[in-house]
Amino acid sequence: MTDRLFCPRCGGREIVNDWSNPFAVNYGAPLPRKCRSCGYRSMIFPAEPDEEEPKGRRRPHEEMTQYLVLIALVAAALYLAFR
């Protein structure tokens, strides 16, 4: 999931790098960004998440972790029962 930038002035979503300063480009300085809708320029734009993850749905690695814990518990029980 990526965060999406938006303009604090107009709320626009089309934020691009501002290449108008040749010194920043030539010397590797951080580029300011620019809103295409209203022309607002800044080094920092706020961001908000694109989409929220559905609630109640587990991620695959969480389910795998639960299975591994279960297998470890069964293996420990068998070890203690047959030693």
N, C-alpha and C. Protein backbone atom coordinates (compact mmCIF):
# COMPACT_ATOMS: atom_id res chain seq x y z
N MET A 1 0.84 -1.15 0.00
CA MET A 1 0.00 0.00 0.00
C MET A 1 0.90 1.23 0.00
N THR A 2 0.58 2.15 -0.87
CA THR A 2 1.39 3.36 -0.95
C THR A 2 0.56 4.54 -0.49
N ASP A 3 1.27 5.55 -0.03
CA ASP A 3 0.61 6.79 0.35
C ASP A 3 0.54 7.70 -0.86
N ARG A 4 -0.54 8.43 -0.95
CA ARG A 4 -0.74 9.31 -2.10
C ARG A 4 -0.71 10.76 -1.63
N LEU A 5 0.09 11.57 -2.31
CA LEU A 5 0.23 12.98 -1.96
C LEU A 5 -0.98 13.78 -2.43
N PHE A 6 -1.31 14.83 -1.66
CA PHE A 6 -2.36 15.74 -2.10
C PHE A 6 -1.96 17.17 -1.76
N CYS A 7 -2.53 18.13 -2.47
CA CYS A 7 -2.21 19.53 -2.28
C CYS A 7 -2.97 20.08 -1.08
N PRO A 8 -2.27 20.75 -0.14
CA PRO A 8 -2.97 21.31 1.00
C PRO A 8 -3.81 22.54 0.64
N ARG A 9 -3.51 23.17 -0.49
CA ARG A 9 -4.25 24.37 -0.88
C ARG A 9 -5.55 24.02 -1.59
N CYS A 10 -5.48 23.17 -2.61
CA CYS A 10 -6.69 22.89 -3.41
C CYS A 10 -7.19 21.45 -3.27
N GLY A 11 -6.40 20.57 -2.67
CA GLY A 11 -6.82 19.17 -2.52
C GLY A 11 -6.55 18.33 -3.75
N GLY A 12 -5.85 18.89 -4.74
CA GLY A 12 -5.55 18.16 -5.97
C GLY A 12 -4.64 16.96 -5.72
N ARG A 13 -4.74 15.96 -6.58
CA ARG A 13 -3.95 14.73 -6.45
C ARG A 13 -2.80 14.62 -7.43
N GLU A 14 -2.67 15.57 -8.35
CA GLU A 14 -1.60 15.52 -9.35
C GLU A 14 -0.40 16.31 -8.86
N ILE A 15 0.45 15.66 -8.08
CA ILE A 15 1.65 16.28 -7.53
C ILE A 15 2.85 15.73 -8.30
N VAL A 16 3.66 16.62 -8.84
CA VAL A 16 4.82 16.21 -9.66
C VAL A 16 6.07 16.91 -9.15
N ASN A 17 7.23 16.39 -9.51
CA ASN A 17 8.49 17.07 -9.20
C ASN A 17 8.59 18.34 -10.01
N ASP A 18 9.09 19.40 -9.39
CA ASP A 18 9.25 20.69 -10.07
C ASP A 18 10.69 20.79 -10.58
N TRP A 19 10.88 20.66 -11.88
CA TRP A 19 12.21 20.65 -12.49
C TRP A 19 12.65 22.04 -12.92
N SER A 20 12.01 23.10 -12.45
CA SER A 20 12.31 24.45 -12.93
C SER A 20 13.61 25.03 -12.38
N ASN A 21 14.17 24.45 -11.32
CA ASN A 21 15.42 24.96 -10.75
C ASN A 21 16.59 24.13 -11.27
N PRO A 22 17.40 24.66 -12.21
CA PRO A 22 18.49 23.87 -12.77
C PRO A 22 19.59 23.54 -11.76
N PHE A 23 19.77 24.36 -10.74
CA PHE A 23 20.80 24.08 -9.74
C PHE A 23 20.45 22.84 -8.92
N ALA A 24 19.19 22.70 -8.59
CA ALA A 24 18.76 21.53 -7.83
C ALA A 24 18.97 20.27 -8.66
N VAL A 25 18.70 20.35 -9.95
CA VAL A 25 18.86 19.19 -10.83
C VAL A 25 20.34 18.85 -10.99
N ASN A 26 21.18 19.85 -11.23
CA ASN A 26 22.60 19.61 -11.49
C ASN A 26 23.36 19.13 -10.27
N TYR A 27 23.03 19.64 -9.11
CA TYR A 27 23.80 19.32 -7.91
C TYR A 27 23.15 18.27 -7.01
N GLY A 28 22.07 17.70 -7.44
CA GLY A 28 21.45 16.61 -6.69
C GLY A 28 20.70 17.04 -5.44
N ALA A 29 20.33 18.28 -5.36
CA ALA A 29 19.54 18.76 -4.22
C ALA A 29 18.13 18.19 -4.32
N PRO A 30 17.44 18.07 -3.21
CA PRO A 30 16.06 17.58 -3.28
C PRO A 30 15.19 18.52 -4.10
N LEU A 31 14.37 17.95 -4.93
CA LEU A 31 13.50 18.75 -5.79
C LEU A 31 12.22 19.13 -5.05
N PRO A 32 11.79 20.38 -5.22
CA PRO A 32 10.47 20.70 -4.68
C PRO A 32 9.40 20.04 -5.53
N ARG A 33 8.21 19.96 -5.00
CA ARG A 33 7.10 19.38 -5.75
C ARG A 33 6.10 20.47 -6.07
N LYS A 34 5.27 20.18 -7.07
CA LYS A 34 4.34 21.19 -7.55
C LYS A 34 2.99 20.54 -7.83
N CYS A 35 1.93 21.25 -7.47
CA CYS A 35 0.57 20.80 -7.77
C CYS A 35 0.23 21.26 -9.18
N ARG A 36 -0.22 20.36 -10.01
CA ARG A 36 -0.59 20.73 -11.39
C ARG A 36 -1.89 21.52 -11.44
N SER A 37 -2.74 21.34 -10.46
CA SER A 37 -4.04 22.03 -10.48
C SER A 37 -3.91 23.51 -10.17
N CYS A 38 -3.21 23.85 -9.07
CA CYS A 38 -3.17 25.26 -8.66
C CYS A 38 -1.78 25.87 -8.72
N GLY A 39 -0.72 25.09 -8.96
CA GLY A 39 0.63 25.61 -9.07
C GLY A 39 1.35 25.77 -7.74
N TYR A 40 0.76 25.31 -6.66
CA TYR A 40 1.39 25.41 -5.34
C TYR A 40 2.70 24.62 -5.32
N ARG A 41 3.79 25.25 -4.81
CA ARG A 41 5.10 24.60 -4.74
C ARG A 41 5.52 24.46 -3.29
N SER A 42 6.11 23.32 -2.97
CA SER A 42 6.61 23.10 -1.62
C SER A 42 7.53 21.88 -1.63
N MET A 43 8.37 21.79 -0.60
CA MET A 43 9.21 20.60 -0.44
C MET A 43 8.42 19.46 0.19
N ILE A 44 7.38 19.81 0.94
CA ILE A 44 6.61 18.81 1.69
C ILE A 44 5.14 18.92 1.33
N PHE A 45 4.55 17.80 0.97
CA PHE A 45 3.11 17.71 0.73
C PHE A 45 2.56 16.63 1.65
N PRO A 46 1.38 16.82 2.21
CA PRO A 46 0.80 15.78 3.05
C PRO A 46 0.40 14.57 2.22
N ALA A 47 0.32 13.42 2.88
CA ALA A 47 -0.05 12.18 2.19
C ALA A 47 -1.12 11.47 2.99
N GLU A 48 -1.93 10.70 2.30
CA GLU A 48 -2.91 9.85 2.96
C GLU A 48 -2.92 8.51 2.25
N PRO A 49 -3.28 7.45 2.93
CA PRO A 49 -3.26 6.12 2.31
C PRO A 49 -4.24 6.02 1.14
N ASP A 50 -3.86 5.25 0.14
CA ASP A 50 -4.74 5.04 -1.01
C ASP A 50 -6.01 4.30 -0.62
N GLU A 51 -5.83 3.12 -0.06
CA GLU A 51 -6.98 2.27 0.28
C GLU A 51 -6.76 1.68 1.66
N GLU A 52 -7.83 1.49 2.34
CA GLU A 52 -7.75 0.82 3.63
C GLU A 52 -7.87 -0.69 3.40
N GLU A 53 -7.17 -1.44 4.21
CA GLU A 53 -7.25 -2.88 4.13
C GLU A 53 -8.58 -3.34 4.73
N PRO A 54 -9.27 -4.29 4.10
CA PRO A 54 -10.55 -4.73 4.64
C PRO A 54 -10.39 -5.29 6.06
N LYS A 55 -11.28 -4.90 6.94
CA LYS A 55 -11.19 -5.38 8.31
C LYS A 55 -11.74 -6.80 8.39
N GLY A 56 -11.15 -7.59 9.26
CA GLY A 56 -11.59 -8.97 9.43
C GLY A 56 -10.88 -9.94 8.50
N ARG A 57 -10.17 -9.45 7.56
CA ARG A 57 -9.45 -10.32 6.63
C ARG A 57 -8.00 -10.40 7.06
N ARG A 58 -7.50 -11.60 7.21
CA ARG A 58 -6.13 -11.79 7.67
C ARG A 58 -5.16 -11.78 6.51
N ARG A 59 -3.97 -11.40 6.83
CA ARG A 59 -2.90 -11.46 5.84
C ARG A 59 -2.38 -12.88 5.79
N PRO A 60 -1.85 -13.32 4.64
CA PRO A 60 -1.36 -14.70 4.52
C PRO A 60 -0.26 -15.04 5.52
N HIS A 61 0.64 -14.11 5.83
CA HIS A 61 1.74 -14.43 6.73
C HIS A 61 1.23 -14.61 8.16
N GLU A 62 0.11 -13.97 8.53
CA GLU A 62 -0.45 -14.18 9.86
C GLU A 62 -1.03 -15.59 9.99
N GLU A 63 -1.68 -16.06 8.94
CA GLU A 63 -2.21 -17.42 8.97
C GLU A 63 -1.07 -18.44 9.02
N MET A 64 0.00 -18.20 8.27
CA MET A 64 1.15 -19.10 8.29
C MET A 64 1.77 -19.14 9.67
N THR A 65 1.85 -18.00 10.34
CA THR A 65 2.42 -17.95 11.68
C THR A 65 1.58 -18.79 12.63
N GLN A 66 0.27 -18.73 12.52
CA GLN A 66 -0.60 -19.53 13.39
C GLN A 66 -0.37 -21.02 13.15
N TYR A 67 -0.22 -21.43 11.90
CA TYR A 67 0.03 -22.85 11.61
C TYR A 67 1.38 -23.30 12.16
N LEU A 68 2.39 -22.44 12.05
CA LEU A 68 3.71 -22.80 12.57
C LEU A 68 3.69 -22.94 14.08
N VAL A 69 2.96 -22.09 14.76
CA VAL A 69 2.83 -22.20 16.22
C VAL A 69 2.12 -23.50 16.58
N LEU A 70 1.08 -23.85 15.85
CA LEU A 70 0.35 -25.09 16.11
C LEU A 70 1.26 -26.30 15.89
N ILE A 71 2.03 -26.30 14.83
CA ILE A 71 2.94 -27.41 14.55
C ILE A 71 3.99 -27.51 15.65
N ALA A 72 4.50 -26.39 16.13
CA ALA A 72 5.49 -26.41 17.20
C ALA A 72 4.90 -26.97 18.49
N LEU A 73 3.66 -26.62 18.79
CA LEU A 73 3.01 -27.14 19.99
C LEU A 73 2.79 -28.65 19.90
N VAL A 74 2.36 -29.12 18.75
CA VAL A 74 2.15 -30.56 18.55
C VAL A 74 3.49 -31.29 18.65
N ALA A 75 4.55 -30.75 18.06
CA ALA A 75 5.86 -31.38 18.13
C ALA A 75 6.36 -31.42 19.57
N ALA A 76 6.14 -30.37 20.34
CA ALA A 76 6.56 -30.36 21.74
C ALA A 76 5.78 -31.38 22.55
N ALA A 77 4.48 -31.49 22.30
CA ALA A 77 3.67 -32.47 23.02
C ALA A 77 4.11 -33.90 22.69
N LEU A 78 4.39 -34.18 21.42
CA LEU A 78 4.86 -35.51 21.04
C LEU A 78 6.23 -35.81 21.64
N TYR A 79 7.08 -34.84 21.70
CA TYR A 79 8.41 -35.02 22.29
C TYR A 79 8.29 -35.38 23.77
N LEU A 80 7.43 -34.64 24.48
CA LEU A 80 7.26 -34.92 25.92
C LEU A 80 6.56 -36.25 26.16
N ALA A 81 5.68 -36.66 25.26
CA ALA A 81 4.96 -37.92 25.45
C ALA A 81 5.82 -39.14 25.18
N PHE A 82 6.78 -39.06 24.29
CA PHE A 82 7.55 -40.24 23.89
C PHE A 82 9.03 -40.17 24.24
N ARG A 83 9.45 -39.38 25.17
CA ARG A 83 10.87 -39.35 25.50
C ARG A 83 11.23 -40.38 26.52
